[in-house]
Amino acid sequence: MVRAVYLILVKELRMSDQSPITAPAWRTPLLCVVAILMVLGMLRLGVWQLDRADQKRDIADQLEARSSQAAIPLIELVEGSKVESLRFRRVLLKGQYLQNRDFYVDNQVVNGQVGYQIFTPFQLEQSATLIMLARGWISVGESRQKLPEVVTPNGPMVLQGRLNAAPAQPPLWDDKYAVSEGDVWQYLPMLEVANVLPSKLFPLVVELAPGAGDDPTLVRKWPEIDDQQVAKHLGYAFQWFAMAAAFFIACLVLLFINPKRSARRK
């Protein structure tokens, strides 16, 4: 749209060098109105991106404050809590792993190496609800034909971690591909995962804290809370404001300064 209006303005400049008969008197005022609307539109988009940056900053601040709170027993949050308000909340878990129920989420990169994130359902004590535990990363190994072995502790355990969303669908995912093949999953659609488990599944996962008792071969390197989304929206806002300024200057040159110069030459 911006390019189309700019090309029209260039055409106006060329017509200004011709006789007045070929350039209708209403054309320049009309183009001025269109140019003003375009500049206002770009400024509005820039302001909208600033608003989006403020929203992302507020979300990041909320997550940071939530993650700094003391850990509480997960059993207190299982029933009646809004899932959206629990992300990055630190929790304590009492219960035990389900045996032979490991989920290998594929194409996970840590320190430049490709591997799997290991997820195992955990039966909460005094509750029928299962919670999926993100236990850590393990390398693919020498061949994808054989999954790396993971030791799953047996018996009652007390663990600590933080709540987070399950691995989301990869960008550009095509539904023609299978989400899972045996124990290997491309991501974790929690509704589908719940269908293969014997009990109700909590919609969030728990990323185990470093040092929590488990298989020591698993690497835990969870994403940190950052303001990259804030910086992205601020960058978009700058682009819109810069485009508005450049377009405004171009309009001044094409519609007012150049026509005057052409008139003086004549």
Foldseek 3Di string as FASTA:
>chain_A
DLVVLLVVLVVQLVCLLPDVVSPDPVPLVVSVVVLVVLLVVLLVLLVVLLVVLVVLVVVLVLLVVQLPDDAEACVVQQPDHDPVNFANHKYKFKFFWDPPQKAWAFQDDDPRAGWTFIWTWTQGPPDQEIAIEREATDGQPDDVVDRDDFDGDGDIDMFMFGKHAWFDDDPPDDPVDDQDDVRYGNTPPPVVVCVVDDTHYRRIHGYTDPPTDGGPNGHRDDDDRDSPVSVVSNVSSVVSNVVSVVSVVSSCCSSPVSSVVSVVVD
